[in-house]
Amino acid sequence: MQKYFLCRYDDLSEGQSKGFSLGDTAAGTDNIFTIMKDGEVYAYKNTCPHRGINLDWQEDQFLDPDGALIQCASHGALFKIESGECIAGPCTGDALTPVPVEYAQDGLYALLAD
């Protein structure tokens, strides 16, 4: 398991999303994003299950206009923040790939398989 430092916990804001690039891997750079909701941080790989493309079209923009759901900028698919489940769009029933996070004294870390 690889551990990647993301940011200090207080760099995240309630109801906001933030994207991260996690270094080079054999397949390229791992891109993930986080969302803080009700004080909990949720993290997912930045890959839409429909087309395998990034979800954001602008930096750190992963949420719908209401900030209630994750939204794919390419085709408008909507995902639950808490589970990553697609509830509307061409990938309904699929889900985003969750990324485990670890809280440490110095900040937040993503945990990715080797």
PDB file of N, CA and C in Angstrom:
ATOM      1  N   MET A   1       0.851  -1.180   0.000  1.00  0.00           N
ATOM      2  CA  MET A   1       0.000   0.000   0.000  1.00  0.00           C
ATOM      3  C   MET A   1       0.894   1.239   0.000  1.00  0.00           C
ATOM      4  N   GLN A   2       0.636   2.157  -0.924  1.00  0.00           N
ATOM      5  CA  GLN A   2       1.358   3.424  -0.992  1.00  0.00           C
ATOM      6  C   GLN A   2       0.567   4.493  -0.253  1.00  0.00           C
ATOM      7  N   LYS A   3       1.266   5.334   0.468  1.00  0.00           N
ATOM      8  CA  LYS A   3       0.641   6.392   1.246  1.00  0.00           C
ATOM      9  C   LYS A   3       1.086   7.731   0.664  1.00  0.00           C
ATOM     10  N   TYR A   4       0.119   8.573   0.268  1.00  0.00           N
ATOM     11  CA  TYR A   4       0.407   9.858  -0.360  1.00  0.00           C
ATOM     12  C   TYR A   4      -0.173  10.992   0.481  1.00  0.00           C
ATOM     13  N   PHE A   5       0.678  11.956   0.805  1.00  0.00           N
ATOM     14  CA  PHE A   5       0.199  13.138   1.525  1.00  0.00           C
ATOM     15  C   PHE A   5      -0.660  13.973   0.580  1.00  0.00           C
ATOM     16  N   LEU A   6      -1.860  14.353   1.024  1.00  0.00           N
ATOM     17  CA  LEU A   6      -2.741  15.193   0.219  1.00  0.00           C
ATOM     18  C   LEU A   6      -2.650  16.654   0.639  1.00  0.00           C
ATOM     19  N   CYS A   7      -2.980  16.921   1.911  1.00  0.00           N
ATOM     20  CA  CYS A   7      -3.008  18.296   2.397  1.00  0.00           C
ATOM     21  C   CYS A   7      -3.246  18.281   3.897  1.00  0.00           C
ATOM     22  N   ARG A   8      -3.136  19.443   4.491  1.00  0.00           N
ATOM     23  CA  ARG A   8      -3.541  19.568   5.883  1.00  0.00           C
ATOM     24  C   ARG A   8      -5.064  19.480   5.918  1.00  0.00           C
ATOM     25  N   TYR A   9      -5.591  18.954   6.999  1.00  0.00           N
ATOM     26  CA  TYR A   9      -7.042  18.786   7.120  1.00  0.00           C
ATOM     27  C   TYR A   9      -7.759  20.128   6.991  1.00  0.00           C
ATOM     28  N   ASP A  10      -7.178  21.182   7.564  1.00  0.00           N
ATOM     29  CA  ASP A  10      -7.845  22.488   7.516  1.00  0.00           C
ATOM     30  C   ASP A  10      -7.719  23.183   6.157  1.00  0.00           C
ATOM     31  N   ASP A  11      -7.024  22.547   5.201  1.00  0.00           N
ATOM     32  CA  ASP A  11      -7.004  23.059   3.823  1.00  0.00           C
ATOM     33  C   ASP A  11      -8.274  22.671   3.071  1.00  0.00           C
ATOM     34  N   LEU A  12      -9.060  21.766   3.635  1.00  0.00           N
ATOM     35  CA  LEU A  12     -10.324  21.351   3.031  1.00  0.00           C
ATOM     36  C   LEU A  12     -11.460  22.131   3.680  1.00  0.00           C
ATOM     37  N   SER A  13     -12.456  22.452   2.889  1.00  0.00           N
ATOM     38  CA  SER A  13     -13.599  23.209   3.393  1.00  0.00           C
ATOM     39  C   SER A  13     -14.869  22.392   3.273  1.00  0.00           C
ATOM     40  N   GLU A  14     -15.736  22.552   4.233  1.00  0.00           N
ATOM     41  CA  GLU A  14     -17.032  21.865   4.237  1.00  0.00           C
ATOM     42  C   GLU A  14     -17.777  22.170   2.944  1.00  0.00           C
ATOM     43  N   GLY A  15     -18.292  21.108   2.310  1.00  0.00           N
ATOM     44  CA  GLY A  15     -19.086  21.249   1.096  1.00  0.00           C
ATOM     45  C   GLY A  15     -18.278  21.562  -0.156  1.00  0.00           C
ATOM     46  N   GLN A  16     -16.960  21.416  -0.091  1.00  0.00           N
ATOM     47  CA  GLN A  16     -16.111  21.722  -1.235  1.00  0.00           C
ATOM     48  C   GLN A  16     -15.362  20.479  -1.700  1.00  0.00           C
ATOM     49  N   SER A  17     -14.937  20.492  -2.956  1.00  0.00           N
ATOM     50  CA  SER A  17     -14.159  19.388  -3.520  1.00  0.00           C
ATOM     51  C   SER A  17     -12.772  19.894  -3.901  1.00  0.00           C
ATOM     52  N   LYS A  18     -11.828  18.969  -3.947  1.00  0.00           N
ATOM     53  CA  LYS A  18     -10.449  19.329  -4.278  1.00  0.00           C
ATOM     54  C   LYS A  18      -9.790  18.150  -4.977  1.00  0.00           C
ATOM     55  N   GLY A  19      -9.116  18.410  -6.097  1.00  0.00           N
ATOM     56  CA  GLY A  19      -8.437  17.370  -6.853  1.00  0.00           C
ATOM     57  C   GLY A  19      -6.958  17.296  -6.514  1.00  0.00           C
ATOM     58  N   PHE A  20      -6.381  16.103  -6.695  1.00  0.00           N
ATOM     59  CA  PHE A  20      -4.968  15.863  -6.405  1.00  0.00           C
ATOM     60  C   PHE A  20      -4.373  14.936  -7.461  1.00  0.00           C
ATOM     61  N   SER A  21      -3.114  15.179  -7.826  1.00  0.00           N
ATOM     62  CA  SER A  21      -2.339  14.261  -8.657  1.00  0.00           C
ATOM     63  C   SER A  21      -1.312  13.602  -7.758  1.00  0.00           C
ATOM     64  N   LEU A  22      -1.251  12.282  -7.801  1.00  0.00           N
ATOM     65  CA  LEU A  22      -0.430  11.543  -6.848  1.00  0.00           C
ATOM     66  C   LEU A  22       0.773  10.878  -7.489  1.00  0.00           C
ATOM     67  N   GLY A  23       1.614  11.624  -8.120  1.00  0.00           N
ATOM     68  CA  GLY A  23       2.873  11.098  -8.627  1.00  0.00           C
ATOM     69  C   GLY A  23       2.715  10.154  -9.799  1.00  0.00           C
ATOM     70  N   ASP A  24       3.849   9.706 -10.291  1.00  0.00           N
ATOM     71  CA  ASP A  24       3.870   8.828 -11.457  1.00  0.00           C
ATOM     72  C   ASP A  24       3.711   7.371 -11.045  1.00  0.00           C
ATOM     73  N   THR A  25       2.933   6.650 -11.813  1.00  0.00           N
ATOM     74  CA  THR A  25       2.783   5.209 -11.650  1.00  0.00           C
ATOM     75  C   THR A  25       3.077   4.567 -12.999  1.00  0.00           C
ATOM     76  N   ALA A  26       3.105   3.265 -13.047  1.00  0.00           N
ATOM     77  CA  ALA A  26       3.355   2.564 -14.319  1.00  0.00           C
ATOM     78  C   ALA A  26       2.310   2.940 -15.359  1.00  0.00           C
ATOM     79  N   ALA A  27       1.100   3.240 -14.927  1.00  0.00           N
ATOM     80  CA  ALA A  27       0.018   3.566 -15.850  1.00  0.00           C
ATOM     81  C   ALA A  27      -0.173   5.077 -16.003  1.00  0.00           C
ATOM     82  N   GLY A  28       0.707   5.874 -15.414  1.00  0.00           N
ATOM     83  CA  GLY A  28       0.562   7.322 -15.477  1.00  0.00           C
ATOM     84  C   GLY A  28       0.341   7.887 -14.084  1.00  0.00           C
ATOM     85  N   THR A  29      -0.234   9.064 -14.028  1.00  0.00           N
ATOM     86  CA  THR A  29      -0.477   9.727 -12.751  1.00  0.00           C
ATOM     87  C   THR A  29      -1.828   9.312 -12.207  1.00  0.00           C
ATOM     88  N   ASP A  30      -1.865   9.001 -10.912  1.00  0.00           N
ATOM     89  CA  ASP A  30      -3.140   8.723 -10.261  1.00  0.00           C
ATOM     90  C   ASP A  30      -3.776  10.048  -9.876  1.00  0.00           C
ATOM     91  N   ASN A  31      -4.970  10.296 -10.367  1.00  0.00           N
ATOM     92  CA  ASN A  31      -5.713  11.495 -10.016  1.00  0.00           C
ATOM     93  C   ASN A  31      -6.871  11.091  -9.121  1.00  0.00           C
ATOM     94  N   ILE A  32      -6.998  11.789  -8.010  1.00  0.00           N
ATOM     95  CA  ILE A  32      -8.111  11.538  -7.105  1.00  0.00           C
ATOM     96  C   ILE A  32      -8.726  12.880  -6.730  1.00  0.00           C
ATOM     97  N   PHE A  33      -9.867  12.835  -6.069  1.00  0.00           N
ATOM     98  CA  PHE A  33     -10.454  14.055  -5.534  1.00  0.00           C
ATOM     99  C   PHE A  33     -11.098  13.737  -4.194  1.00  0.00           C
ATOM    100  N   THR A  34     -11.211  14.782  -3.397  1.00  0.00           N
ATOM    101  CA  THR A  34     -11.840  14.650  -2.088  1.00  0.00           C
ATOM    102  C   THR A  34     -13.005  15.626  -1.990  1.00  0.00           C
ATOM    103  N   ILE A  35     -13.932  15.264  -1.122  1.00  0.00           N
ATOM    104  CA  ILE A  35     -15.054  16.135  -0.793  1.00  0.00           C
ATOM    105  C   ILE A  35     -15.233  16.051   0.715  1.00  0.00           C
ATOM    106  N   MET A  36     -15.406  17.199   1.356  1.00  0.00           N
ATOM    107  CA  MET A  36     -15.717  17.192   2.779  1.00  0.00           C
ATOM    108  C   MET A  36     -17.213  17.447   2.943  1.00  0.00           C
ATOM    109  N   LYS A  37     -17.872  16.502   3.600  1.00  0.00           N
ATOM    110  CA  LYS A  37     -19.305  16.634   3.851  1.00  0.00           C
ATOM    111  C   LYS A  37     -19.570  16.233   5.296  1.00  0.00           C
ATOM    112  N   ASP A  38     -20.209  17.113   6.049  1.00  0.00           N
ATOM    113  CA  ASP A  38     -20.510  16.886   7.461  1.00  0.00           C
ATOM    114  C   ASP A  38     -19.254  16.513   8.245  1.00  0.00           C
ATOM    115  N   GLY A  39     -18.131  17.143   7.911  1.00  0.00           N
ATOM    116  CA  GLY A  39     -16.875  16.911   8.608  1.00  0.00           C
ATOM    117  C   GLY A  39     -16.133  15.657   8.193  1.00  0.00           C
ATOM    118  N   GLU A  40     -16.733  14.848   7.334  1.00  0.00           N
ATOM    119  CA  GLU A  40     -16.118  13.602   6.854  1.00  0.00           C
ATOM    120  C   GLU A  40     -15.506  13.854   5.478  1.00  0.00           C
ATOM    121  N   VAL A  41     -14.341  13.248   5.234  1.00  0.00           N
ATOM    122  CA  VAL A  41     -13.688  13.390   3.932  1.00  0.00           C
ATOM    123  C   VAL A  41     -13.918  12.112   3.126  1.00  0.00           C
ATOM    124  N   TYR A  42     -14.432  12.279   1.911  1.00  0.00           N
ATOM    125  CA  TYR A  42     -14.649  11.183   0.977  1.00  0.00           C
ATOM    126  C   TYR A  42     -13.671  11.375  -0.171  1.00  0.00           C
ATOM    127  N   ALA A  43     -13.043  10.294  -0.605  1.00  0.00           N
ATOM    128  CA  ALA A  43     -12.074  10.379  -1.696  1.00  0.00           C
ATOM    129  C   ALA A  43     -12.384   9.308  -2.740  1.00  0.00           C
ATOM    130  N   TYR A  44     -12.212   9.688  -4.003  1.00  0.00           N
ATOM    131  CA  TYR A  44     -12.470   8.792  -5.131  1.00  0.00           C
ATOM    132  C   TYR A  44     -11.416   9.014  -6.200  1.00  0.00           C
ATOM    133  N   LYS A  45     -11.192   7.990  -7.020  1.00  0.00           N
ATOM    134  CA  LYS A  45     -10.365   8.168  -8.206  1.00  0.00           C
ATOM    135  C   LYS A  45     -11.130   9.077  -9.164  1.00  0.00           C
ATOM    136  N   ASN A  46     -10.413   9.951  -9.829  1.00  0.00           N
ATOM    137  CA  ASN A  46     -11.024  10.904 -10.746  1.00  0.00           C
ATOM    138  C   ASN A  46     -11.218  10.250 -12.111  1.00  0.00           C
ATOM    139  N   THR A  47     -12.105   9.276 -12.139  1.00  0.00           N
ATOM    140  CA  THR A  47     -12.391   8.536 -13.366  1.00  0.00           C
ATOM    141  C   THR A  47     -13.879   8.210 -13.421  1.00  0.00           C
ATOM    142  N   CYS A  48     -14.541   8.654 -14.457  1.00  0.00           N
ATOM    143  CA  CYS A  48     -15.959   8.341 -14.634  1.00  0.00           C
ATOM    144  C   CYS A  48     -16.102   6.886 -15.083  1.00  0.00           C
ATOM    145  N   PRO A  49     -16.991   6.117 -14.466  1.00  0.00           N
ATOM    146  CA  PRO A  49     -17.157   4.718 -14.880  1.00  0.00           C
ATOM    147  C   PRO A  49     -17.755   4.564 -16.280  1.00  0.00           C
ATOM    148  N   HIS A  50     -18.351   5.611 -16.815  1.00  0.00           N
ATOM    149  CA  HIS A  50     -18.970   5.539 -18.143  1.00  0.00           C
ATOM    150  C   HIS A  50     -17.931   5.552 -19.260  1.00  0.00           C
ATOM    151  N   ARG A  51     -16.999   6.504 -19.230  1.00  0.00           N
ATOM    152  CA  ARG A  51     -16.031   6.651 -20.310  1.00  0.00           C
ATOM    153  C   ARG A  51     -14.575   6.558 -19.864  1.00  0.00           C
ATOM    154  N   GLY A  52     -14.342   6.480 -18.563  1.00  0.00           N
ATOM    155  CA  GLY A  52     -12.976   6.407 -18.061  1.00  0.00           C
ATOM    156  C   GLY A  52     -12.225   7.728 -18.137  1.00  0.00           C
ATOM    157  N   ILE A  53     -12.951   8.833 -18.244  1.00  0.00           N
ATOM    158  CA  ILE A  53     -12.332  10.159 -18.325  1.00  0.00           C
ATOM    159  C   ILE A  53     -12.442  10.872 -16.980  1.00  0.00           C
ATOM    160  N   ASN A  54     -11.683  11.958 -16.824  1.00  0.00           N
ATOM    161  CA  ASN A  54     -11.779  12.747 -15.596  1.00  0.00           C
ATOM    162  C   ASN A  54     -13.176  13.343 -15.459  1.00  0.00           C
ATOM    163  N   LEU A  55     -13.607  13.494 -14.226  1.00  0.00           N
ATOM    164  CA  LEU A  55     -14.937  14.029 -13.948  1.00  0.00           C
ATOM    165  C   LEU A  55     -15.003  15.553 -14.020  1.00  0.00           C
ATOM    166  N   ASP A  56     -13.913  16.221 -13.714  1.00  0.00           N
ATOM    167  CA  ASP A  56     -13.916  17.682 -13.636  1.00  0.00           C
ATOM    168  C   ASP A  56     -13.551  18.324 -14.971  1.00  0.00           C
ATOM    169  N   TRP A  57     -14.099  19.504 -15.209  1.00  0.00           N
ATOM    170  CA  TRP A  57     -13.716  20.266 -16.392  1.00  0.00           C
ATOM    171  C   TRP A  57     -12.991  21.537 -15.987  1.00  0.00           C
ATOM    172  N   GLN A  58     -13.098  21.905 -14.719  1.00  0.00           N
ATOM    173  CA  GLN A  58     -12.334  23.001 -14.142  1.00  0.00           C
ATOM    174  C   GLN A  58     -11.691  22.482 -12.870  1.00  0.00           C
ATOM    175  N   GLU A  59     -10.551  23.039 -12.513  1.00  0.00           N
ATOM    176  CA  GLU A  59      -9.820  22.598 -11.337  1.00  0.00           C
ATOM    177  C   GLU A  59     -10.705  22.627 -10.088  1.00  0.00           C
ATOM    178  N   ASP A  60     -10.713  21.502  -9.376  1.00  0.00           N
ATOM    179  CA  ASP A  60     -11.432  21.344  -8.102  1.00  0.00           C
ATOM    180  C   ASP A  60     -12.955  21.441  -8.224  1.00  0.00           C
ATOM    181  N   GLN A  61     -13.499  21.308  -9.429  1.00  0.00           N
ATOM    182  CA  GLN A  61     -14.947  21.382  -9.629  1.00  0.00           C
ATOM    183  C   GLN A  61     -15.509  19.986  -9.891  1.00  0.00           C
ATOM    184  N   PHE A  62     -15.986  19.340  -8.836  1.00  0.00           N
ATOM    185  CA  PHE A  62     -16.507  17.979  -8.942  1.00  0.00           C
ATOM    186  C   PHE A  62     -17.972  17.889  -8.533  1.00  0.00           C
ATOM    187  N   LEU A  63     -18.549  18.974  -8.045  1.00  0.00           N
ATOM    188  CA  LEU A  63     -19.908  18.927  -7.504  1.00  0.00           C
ATOM    189  C   LEU A  63     -20.913  19.613  -8.424  1.00  0.00           C
ATOM    190  N   ASP A  64     -22.180  19.196  -8.288  1.00  0.00           N
ATOM    191  CA  ASP A  64     -23.255  19.854  -9.022  1.00  0.00           C
ATOM    192  C   ASP A  64     -23.438  21.273  -8.464  1.00  0.00           C
ATOM    193  N   PRO A  65     -24.244  22.108  -9.131  1.00  0.00           N
ATOM    194  CA  PRO A  65     -24.396  23.499  -8.679  1.00  0.00           C
ATOM    195  C   PRO A  65     -24.888  23.635  -7.234  1.00  0.00           C
ATOM    196  N   ASP A  66     -25.637  22.665  -6.733  1.00  0.00           N
ATOM    197  CA  ASP A  66     -26.134  22.717  -5.359  1.00  0.00           C
ATOM    198  C   ASP A  66     -25.122  22.175  -4.347  1.00  0.00           C
ATOM    199  N   GLY A  67     -24.051  21.546  -4.825  1.00  0.00           N
ATOM    200  CA  GLY A  67     -23.061  20.955  -3.924  1.00  0.00           C
ATOM    201  C   GLY A  67     -23.556  19.704  -3.227  1.00  0.00           C
ATOM    202  N   ALA A  68     -24.629  19.110  -3.751  1.00  0.00           N
ATOM    203  CA  ALA A  68     -25.240  17.943  -3.117  1.00  0.00           C
ATOM    204  C   ALA A  68     -24.772  16.620  -3.700  1.00  0.00           C
ATOM    205  N   LEU A  69     -24.288  16.636  -4.943  1.00  0.00           N
ATOM    206  CA  LEU A  69     -23.889  15.417  -5.639  1.00  0.00           C
ATOM    207  C   LEU A  69     -22.605  15.665  -6.423  1.00  0.00           C
ATOM    208  N   ILE A  70     -21.876  14.592  -6.674  1.00  0.00           N
ATOM    209  CA  ILE A  70     -20.728  14.651  -7.578  1.00  0.00           C
ATOM    210  C   ILE A  70     -21.293  14.617  -8.996  1.00  0.00           C
ATOM    211  N   GLN A  71     -20.736  15.427  -9.887  1.00  0.00           N
ATOM    212  CA  GLN A  71     -21.251  15.486 -11.255  1.00  0.00           C
ATOM    213  C   GLN A  71     -20.119  15.338 -12.258  1.00  0.00           C
ATOM    214  N   CYS A  72     -20.324  14.491 -13.253  1.00  0.00           N
ATOM    215  CA  CYS A  72     -19.376  14.354 -14.351  1.00  0.00           C
ATOM    216  C   CYS A  72     -19.600  15.519 -15.313  1.00  0.00           C
ATOM    217  N   ALA A  73     -18.554  16.270 -15.566  1.00  0.00           N
ATOM    218  CA  ALA A  73     -18.667  17.443 -16.437  1.00  0.00           C
ATOM    219  C   ALA A  73     -18.928  17.067 -17.892  1.00  0.00           C
ATOM    220  N   SER A  74     -18.555  15.856 -18.307  1.00  0.00           N
ATOM    221  CA  SER A  74     -18.713  15.472 -19.710  1.00  0.00           C
ATOM    222  C   SER A  74     -20.134  15.116 -20.090  1.00  0.00           C
ATOM    223  N   HIS A  75     -20.808  14.326 -19.253  1.00  0.00           N
ATOM    224  CA  HIS A  75     -22.161  13.914 -19.640  1.00  0.00           C
ATOM    225  C   HIS A  75     -23.192  14.095 -18.537  1.00  0.00           C
ATOM    226  N   GLY A  76     -22.818  14.741 -17.449  1.00  0.00           N
ATOM    227  CA  GLY A  76     -23.783  15.105 -16.419  1.00  0.00           C
ATOM    228  C   GLY A  76     -24.189  14.005 -15.465  1.00  0.00           C
ATOM    229  N   ALA A  77     -23.547  12.855 -15.495  1.00  0.00           N
ATOM    230  CA  ALA A  77     -23.892  11.790 -14.550  1.00  0.00           C
ATOM    231  C   ALA A  77     -23.757  12.312 -13.126  1.00  0.00           C
ATOM    232  N   LEU A  78     -24.639  11.851 -12.241  1.00  0.00           N
ATOM    233  CA  LEU A  78     -24.646  12.288 -10.849  1.00  0.00           C
ATOM    234  C   LEU A  78     -24.351  11.119  -9.930  1.00  0.00           C
ATOM    235  N   PHE A  79     -23.534  11.366  -8.916  1.00  0.00           N
ATOM    236  CA  PHE A  79     -23.080  10.336  -7.985  1.00  0.00           C
ATOM    237  C   PHE A  79     -23.309  10.804  -6.554  1.00  0.00           C
ATOM    238  N   LYS A  80     -23.668   9.875  -5.674  1.00  0.00           N
ATOM    239  CA  LYS A  80     -23.799  10.189  -4.251  1.00  0.00           C
ATOM    240  C   LYS A  80     -22.416  10.443  -3.667  1.00  0.00           C
ATOM    241  N   ILE A  81     -22.300  11.472  -2.850  1.00  0.00           N
ATOM    242  CA  ILE A  81     -21.010  11.803  -2.231  1.00  0.00           C
ATOM    243  C   ILE A  81     -20.566  10.689  -1.291  1.00  0.00           C
ATOM    244  N   GLU A  82     -21.479  10.157  -0.495  1.00  0.00           N
ATOM    245  CA  GLU A  82     -21.120   9.186   0.541  1.00  0.00           C
ATOM    246  C   GLU A  82     -20.715   7.814   0.006  1.00  0.00           C
ATOM    247  N   SER A  83     -21.212   7.430  -1.164  1.00  0.00           N
ATOM    248  CA  SER A  83     -20.948   6.075  -1.659  1.00  0.00           C
ATOM    249  C   SER A  83     -20.314   6.037  -3.052  1.00  0.00           C
ATOM    250  N   GLY A  84     -20.394   7.122  -3.797  1.00  0.00           N
ATOM    251  CA  GLY A  84     -19.900   7.143  -5.168  1.00  0.00           C
ATOM    252  C   GLY A  84     -20.840   6.483  -6.159  1.00  0.00           C
ATOM    253  N   GLU A  85     -22.012   6.044  -5.703  1.00  0.00           N
ATOM    254  CA  GLU A  85     -22.974   5.370  -6.576  1.00  0.00           C
ATOM    255  C   GLU A  85     -23.568   6.348  -7.581  1.00  0.00           C
ATOM    256  N   CYS A  86     -23.609   5.945  -8.857  1.00  0.00           N
ATOM    257  CA  CYS A  86     -24.221   6.759  -9.903  1.00  0.00           C
ATOM    258  C   CYS A  86     -25.736   6.601  -9.824  1.00  0.00           C
ATOM    259  N   ILE A  87     -26.425   7.733  -9.652  1.00  0.00           N
ATOM    260  CA  ILE A  87     -27.881   7.681  -9.513  1.00  0.00           C
ATOM    261  C   ILE A  87     -28.608   8.302 -10.704  1.00  0.00           C
ATOM    262  N   ALA A  88     -27.859   8.905 -11.641  1.00  0.00           N
ATOM    263  CA  ALA A  88     -28.473   9.473 -12.843  1.00  0.00           C
ATOM    264  C   ALA A  88     -27.416   9.576 -13.932  1.00  0.00           C
ATOM    265  N   GLY A  89     -27.818   9.257 -15.160  1.00  0.00           N
ATOM    266  CA  GLY A  89     -26.904   9.353 -16.290  1.00  0.00           C
ATOM    267  C   GLY A  89     -26.626   7.991 -16.890  1.00  0.00           C
ATOM    268  N   PRO A  90     -25.723   7.939 -17.871  1.00  0.00           N
ATOM    269  CA  PRO A  90     -25.473   6.706 -18.612  1.00  0.00           C
ATOM    270  C   PRO A  90     -24.789   5.596 -17.808  1.00  0.00           C
ATOM    271  N   CYS A  91     -24.286   5.908 -16.633  1.00  0.00           N
ATOM    272  CA  CYS A  91     -23.622   4.878 -15.825  1.00  0.00           C
ATOM    273  C   CYS A  91     -24.425   4.541 -14.571  1.00  0.00           C
ATOM    274  N   THR A  92     -25.738   4.783 -14.596  1.00  0.00           N
ATOM    275  CA  THR A  92     -26.591   4.501 -13.436  1.00  0.00           C
ATOM    276  C   THR A  92     -26.367   3.073 -12.967  1.00  0.00           C
ATOM    277  N   GLY A  93     -26.159   2.932 -11.654  1.00  0.00           N
ATOM    278  CA  GLY A  93     -25.910   1.616 -11.067  1.00  0.00           C
ATOM    279  C   GLY A  93     -24.436   1.317 -10.887  1.00  0.00           C
ATOM    280  N   ASP A  94     -23.566   1.978 -11.655  1.00  0.00           N
ATOM    281  CA  ASP A  94     -22.122   1.847 -11.465  1.00  0.00           C
ATOM    282  C   ASP A  94     -21.704   2.749 -10.310  1.00  0.00           C
ATOM    283  N   ALA A  95     -20.422   2.764  -9.999  1.00  0.00           N
ATOM    284  CA  ALA A  95     -19.946   3.606  -8.904  1.00  0.00           C
ATOM    285  C   ALA A  95     -18.524   4.071  -9.166  1.00  0.00           C
ATOM    286  N   LEU A  96     -18.186   5.184  -8.555  1.00  0.00           N
ATOM    287  CA  LEU A  96     -16.811   5.672  -8.569  1.00  0.00           C
ATOM    288  C   LEU A  96     -15.957   4.746  -7.713  1.00  0.00           C
ATOM    289  N   THR A  97     -14.653   4.742  -7.950  1.00  0.00           N
ATOM    290  CA  THR A  97     -13.733   3.919  -7.175  1.00  0.00           C
ATOM    291  C   THR A  97     -13.294   4.694  -5.940  1.00  0.00           C
ATOM    292  N   PRO A  98     -13.667   4.202  -4.743  1.00  0.00           N
ATOM    293  CA  PRO A  98     -13.272   4.917  -3.528  1.00  0.00           C
ATOM    294  C   PRO A  98     -11.781   4.778  -3.253  1.00  0.00           C
ATOM    295  N   VAL A  99     -11.230   5.766  -2.591  1.00  0.00           N
ATOM    296  CA  VAL A  99      -9.832   5.766  -2.171  1.00  0.00           C
ATOM    297  C   VAL A  99      -9.821   5.941  -0.658  1.00  0.00           C
ATOM    298  N   PRO A 100      -9.246   4.979   0.070  1.00  0.00           N
ATOM    299  CA  PRO A 100      -9.179   5.128   1.525  1.00  0.00           C
ATOM    300  C   PRO A 100      -8.293   6.317   1.907  1.00  0.00           C
ATOM    301  N   VAL A 101      -8.686   7.023   2.952  1.00  0.00           N
ATOM    302  CA  VAL A 101      -7.892   8.129   3.463  1.00  0.00           C
ATOM    303  C   VAL A 101      -7.520   7.855   4.914  1.00  0.00           C
ATOM    304  N   GLU A 102      -6.405   8.436   5.299  1.00  0.00           N
ATOM    305  CA  GLU A 102      -5.931   8.294   6.674  1.00  0.00           C
ATOM    306  C   GLU A 102      -5.703   9.681   7.241  1.00  0.00           C
ATOM    307  N   TYR A 103      -6.247   9.889   8.444  1.00  0.00           N
ATOM    308  CA  TYR A 103      -6.045  11.150   9.139  1.00  0.00           C
ATOM    309  C   TYR A 103      -4.805  11.000  10.010  1.00  0.00           C
ATOM    310  N   ALA A 104      -3.876  11.941   9.899  1.00  0.00           N
ATOM    311  CA  ALA A 104      -2.667  11.931  10.717  1.00  0.00           C
ATOM    312  C   ALA A 104      -2.499  13.325  11.319  1.00  0.00           C
ATOM    313  N   GLN A 105      -1.601  13.441  12.247  1.00  0.00           N
ATOM    314  CA  GLN A 105      -1.381  14.726  12.913  1.00  0.00           C
ATOM    315  C   GLN A 105      -1.007  15.822  11.924  1.00  0.00           C
ATOM    316  N   ASP A 106      -0.212  15.480  10.903  1.00  0.00           N
ATOM    317  CA  ASP A 106       0.229  16.492   9.943  1.00  0.00           C
ATOM    318  C   ASP A 106      -0.731  16.689   8.776  1.00  0.00           C
ATOM    319  N   GLY A 107      -1.765  15.856   8.644  1.00  0.00           N
ATOM    320  CA  GLY A 107      -2.711  16.060   7.571  1.00  0.00           C
ATOM    321  C   GLY A 107      -3.388  14.792   7.086  1.00  0.00           C
ATOM    322  N   LEU A 108      -3.871  14.857   5.874  1.00  0.00           N
ATOM    323  CA  LEU A 108      -4.666  13.806   5.279  1.00  0.00           C
ATOM    324  C   LEU A 108      -3.834  13.062   4.233  1.00  0.00           C
ATOM    325  N   TYR A 109      -3.911  11.723   4.264  1.00  0.00           N
ATOM    326  CA  TYR A 109      -3.175  10.874   3.323  1.00  0.00           C
ATOM    327  C   TYR A 109      -4.136  10.004   2.540  1.00  0.00           C
ATOM    328  N   ALA A 110      -3.824   9.757   1.270  1.00  0.00           N
ATOM    329  CA  ALA A 110      -4.548   8.778   0.453  1.00  0.00           C
ATOM    330  C   ALA A 110      -3.759   7.483   0.489  1.00  0.00           C
ATOM    331  N   LEU A 111      -4.463   6.366   0.527  1.00  0.00           N
ATOM    332  CA  LEU A 111      -3.840   5.042   0.548  1.00  0.00           C
ATOM    333  C   LEU A 111      -4.209   4.328  -0.747  1.00  0.00           C
ATOM    334  N   LEU A 112      -3.193   4.033  -1.566  1.00  0.00           N
ATOM    335  CA  LEU A 112      -3.424   3.354  -2.840  1.00  0.00           C
ATOM    336  C   LEU A 112      -2.660   2.049  -2.892  1.00  0.00           C
ATOM    337  N   ALA A 113      -3.267   1.050  -3.512  1.00  0.00           N
ATOM    338  CA  ALA A 113      -2.621  -0.248  -3.655  1.00  0.00           C
ATOM    339  C   ALA A 113      -1.370  -0.097  -4.504  1.00  0.00           C
ATOM    340  N   ASP A 114      -0.359  -0.948  -4.206  1.00  0.00           N
ATOM    341  CA  ASP A 114       0.896  -0.933  -4.967  1.00  0.00           C
ATOM    342  C   ASP A 114       0.666  -1.333  -6.403  1.00  0.00           C
TER     343      ASP A 114
END
